[in-house]
N, C-alpha and C. Protein backbone atom coordinates (compact mmCIF):
# COMPACT_ATOMS: atom_id res chain seq x y z
N MET A 1 21.23 4.79 17.43
CA MET A 1 20.09 4.58 16.96
C MET A 1 19.01 6.03 16.76
N ALA A 2 18.69 7.18 16.44
CA ALA A 2 17.65 7.46 16.05
C ALA A 2 16.35 7.28 15.55
N ASP A 3 14.83 6.78 16.11
CA ASP A 3 14.07 6.49 15.19
C ASP A 3 12.82 8.36 15.18
N TRP A 4 12.84 7.68 13.44
CA TRP A 4 12.19 9.56 12.59
C TRP A 4 11.47 8.65 12.59
N GLY A 5 10.56 7.31 12.64
CA GLY A 5 9.04 7.04 12.42
C GLY A 5 7.99 7.89 12.70
N PRO A 6 7.73 8.21 14.42
CA PRO A 6 6.71 8.54 14.71
C PRO A 6 6.78 10.61 14.42
N VAL A 7 7.54 11.05 14.54
CA VAL A 7 8.09 12.54 13.26
C VAL A 7 8.23 12.49 12.01
N LEU A 8 8.20 11.62 11.25
CA LEU A 8 7.82 11.73 9.60
C LEU A 8 6.17 11.12 9.35
N VAL A 9 5.84 10.40 10.80
CA VAL A 9 3.96 9.92 10.47
C VAL A 9 3.65 11.24 10.97
N ALA A 10 4.06 11.64 11.90
CA ALA A 10 3.16 13.38 12.69
C ALA A 10 3.48 14.39 11.75
N THR A 11 3.92 14.03 10.71
CA THR A 11 4.29 15.32 9.72
C THR A 11 3.87 15.73 9.02
N LEU A 12 3.57 14.45 8.63
CA LEU A 12 2.97 13.97 7.34
C LEU A 12 2.05 14.37 7.51
N LEU A 13 1.51 13.59 8.22
CA LEU A 13 -0.73 13.32 8.89
C LEU A 13 -0.89 15.76 9.21
N PHE A 14 0.21 15.74 9.95
CA PHE A 14 -0.61 16.77 9.80
C PHE A 14 -1.07 18.24 8.94
N VAL A 15 0.37 17.59 8.06
CA VAL A 15 0.26 18.28 6.05
C VAL A 15 -0.49 18.16 5.76
N LEU A 16 -1.45 16.60 5.45
CA LEU A 16 -2.33 15.94 4.72
C LEU A 16 -3.52 16.18 4.79
N LEU A 17 -3.51 16.73 6.75
CA LEU A 17 -4.99 16.09 7.97
C LEU A 17 -5.11 18.06 8.24
N THR A 18 -4.92 19.38 7.69
CA THR A 18 -5.11 20.33 7.69
C THR A 18 -6.16 20.83 7.07
N PRO A 19 -6.70 21.32 7.75
CA PRO A 19 -8.53 21.76 7.54
C PRO A 19 -8.41 22.22 6.54
N GLY A 20 -9.06 22.59 5.23
CA GLY A 20 -9.35 23.14 3.95
C GLY A 20 -8.33 23.75 3.39
N LEU A 21 -7.14 22.29 3.94
CA LEU A 21 -5.38 22.29 2.53
C LEU A 21 -6.35 21.62 1.76
N LEU A 22 -6.38 20.10 1.70
CA LEU A 22 -6.81 19.35 0.52
C LEU A 22 -8.72 19.24 0.89
N PHE A 23 -8.93 18.77 2.16
CA PHE A 23 -10.55 19.00 1.94
C PHE A 23 -10.37 18.86 3.12
N GLN A 24 -11.90 19.20 3.72
CA GLN A 24 -12.65 20.01 4.54
C GLN A 24 -13.48 19.02 4.76
N ILE A 25 -13.87 17.84 6.84
CA ILE A 25 -15.72 17.44 6.61
C ILE A 25 -15.88 18.14 8.02
N PRO A 26 -16.81 18.82 8.16
CA PRO A 26 -17.62 19.06 7.92
C PRO A 26 -16.88 20.51 7.11
N GLY A 27 -17.73 20.82 4.90
CA GLY A 27 -17.72 21.81 4.85
C GLY A 27 -19.08 22.84 4.89
N ARG A 28 -18.38 24.48 4.70
CA ARG A 28 -19.23 25.41 4.98
C ARG A 28 -21.48 24.77 4.39
N ASN A 29 -20.76 24.46 2.77
CA ASN A 29 -21.90 24.16 2.49
C ASN A 29 -22.47 22.50 1.61
N ARG A 30 -20.89 22.00 2.11
CA ARG A 30 -21.88 20.13 1.23
C ARG A 30 -20.61 19.40 2.47
N VAL A 31 -21.67 18.01 2.49
CA VAL A 31 -20.52 17.69 3.68
C VAL A 31 -18.63 17.39 3.68
N VAL A 32 -18.56 17.53 2.65
CA VAL A 32 -16.91 16.91 2.30
C VAL A 32 -16.63 18.04 1.35
N GLU A 33 -15.27 18.72 1.74
CA GLU A 33 -15.48 20.11 0.03
C GLU A 33 -13.92 20.11 0.27
N PHE A 34 -13.51 20.42 -1.14
CA PHE A 34 -12.44 20.28 -1.42
C PHE A 34 -11.21 22.21 -1.74
N GLY A 35 -10.24 21.72 -1.08
CA GLY A 35 -9.40 23.22 -1.44
C GLY A 35 -10.04 24.14 -0.86
N ASN A 36 -11.27 24.43 0.08
CA ASN A 36 -11.43 25.50 0.84
C ASN A 36 -10.54 25.46 1.76
N THR A 37 -9.91 26.65 1.52
CA THR A 37 -10.32 27.68 3.07
C THR A 37 -10.10 28.26 4.16
N GLN A 38 -11.30 28.00 4.50
CA GLN A 38 -11.65 28.35 5.42
C GLN A 38 -12.09 27.32 6.36
N THR A 39 -12.08 27.74 7.29
CA THR A 39 -12.47 26.68 8.68
C THR A 39 -13.61 26.77 9.33
N SER A 40 -13.90 26.54 9.57
CA SER A 40 -14.72 26.29 10.76
C SER A 40 -14.00 25.59 12.53
N GLY A 41 -14.51 26.11 13.25
CA GLY A 41 -14.82 24.87 15.05
C GLY A 41 -14.95 23.71 14.67
N ALA A 42 -16.18 22.95 13.89
CA ALA A 42 -16.06 22.25 13.97
C ALA A 42 -15.85 21.45 12.68
N SER A 43 -15.16 21.53 11.34
CA SER A 43 -14.43 21.12 10.87
C SER A 43 -12.89 20.94 11.26
N ILE A 44 -12.30 21.95 12.39
CA ILE A 44 -10.96 21.44 13.02
C ILE A 44 -10.86 20.01 14.35
N LEU A 45 -12.52 20.13 15.16
CA LEU A 45 -13.03 18.89 15.58
C LEU A 45 -12.72 18.16 15.08
N VAL A 46 -13.09 18.12 14.16
CA VAL A 46 -13.54 16.02 13.54
C VAL A 46 -12.11 16.09 12.58
N HIS A 47 -11.10 17.38 12.08
CA HIS A 47 -10.32 16.94 11.44
C HIS A 47 -8.74 16.11 13.03
N THR A 48 -9.68 17.00 13.98
CA THR A 48 -8.44 15.84 14.87
C THR A 48 -8.74 15.02 16.07
N VAL A 49 -10.00 14.53 16.20
CA VAL A 49 -9.85 13.36 16.20
C VAL A 49 -9.67 12.02 14.77
N ILE A 50 -9.76 12.71 13.39
CA ILE A 50 -9.26 11.97 12.13
C ILE A 50 -7.53 11.74 12.55
N TYR A 51 -6.72 12.99 12.70
CA TYR A 51 -5.41 12.83 13.10
C TYR A 51 -4.95 11.80 14.61
N LEU A 52 -6.02 11.97 15.82
CA LEU A 52 -5.26 11.32 16.14
C LEU A 52 -5.73 9.69 16.23
N GLY A 53 -6.50 9.17 16.09
CA GLY A 53 -6.74 7.95 15.61
C GLY A 53 -5.99 6.97 14.42
N LEU A 54 -5.52 8.31 13.57
CA LEU A 54 -4.61 7.44 13.04
C LEU A 54 -3.34 7.60 12.93
N ILE A 55 -3.05 7.99 14.09
CA ILE A 55 -2.00 8.44 14.45
C ILE A 55 -1.25 7.56 15.74
N THR A 56 -2.34 6.98 16.01
CA THR A 56 -2.63 5.80 16.86
C THR A 56 -2.57 4.90 16.39
N ILE A 57 -3.08 4.60 15.29
CA ILE A 57 -2.60 3.33 14.61
C ILE A 57 -1.86 3.05 14.42
N PHE A 58 -0.77 3.75 13.58
CA PHE A 58 0.43 3.89 12.54
C PHE A 58 1.70 3.52 14.10
N LEU A 59 1.03 4.60 15.13
CA LEU A 59 2.25 4.54 16.19
C LEU A 59 2.28 3.39 17.31
N ILE A 60 1.34 2.87 17.66
CA ILE A 60 1.07 1.88 18.38
C ILE A 60 0.25 0.48 17.76
N ALA A 61 -0.10 0.51 17.00
CA ALA A 61 -0.75 -0.65 16.73
C ALA A 61 0.13 -0.73 15.08
N ILE A 62 0.24 -0.21 14.52
CA ILE A 62 1.59 -1.01 13.77
C ILE A 62 2.52 -0.26 13.75
N GLY A 63 3.12 -0.15 14.66
CA GLY A 63 4.44 0.90 15.19
C GLY A 63 5.99 0.24 13.91
N VAL A 64 5.09 1.63 13.10
CA VAL A 64 6.57 2.36 12.02
C VAL A 64 7.43 2.74 12.52
N HIS A 65 8.51 2.37 12.71
CA HIS A 65 10.40 2.91 13.03
C HIS A 65 10.95 2.96 11.95
N ILE A 66 11.55 4.35 11.82
CA ILE A 66 12.28 4.49 10.80
C ILE A 66 14.27 5.00 11.10
N TYR A 67 15.27 3.95 11.73
CA TYR A 67 16.23 4.59 11.76
C TYR A 67 16.93 4.62 11.41
N ALA A 68 18.42 6.13 11.81
CA ALA A 68 18.39 6.18 10.89
C ALA A 68 20.22 6.88 11.44
N GLY A 69 21.30 6.92 11.11
CA GLY A 69 22.25 6.54 11.72
C GLY A 69 23.11 4.88 11.70
């Protein structure tokens, strides 16, 4: 059986935490901007840290597993 939990969690978090797609921390003019497609190096770094933190929580601490087959 294949464990699809890590694949789905990583893909979902990557799409949701892409800087500028849904939100951007820090924004150009404000702390949080929504729907802004302009990114900066600082926002990429912040979103990377948030992504690594959440993926660690979901995969290691909680242990999300989805089996197919």
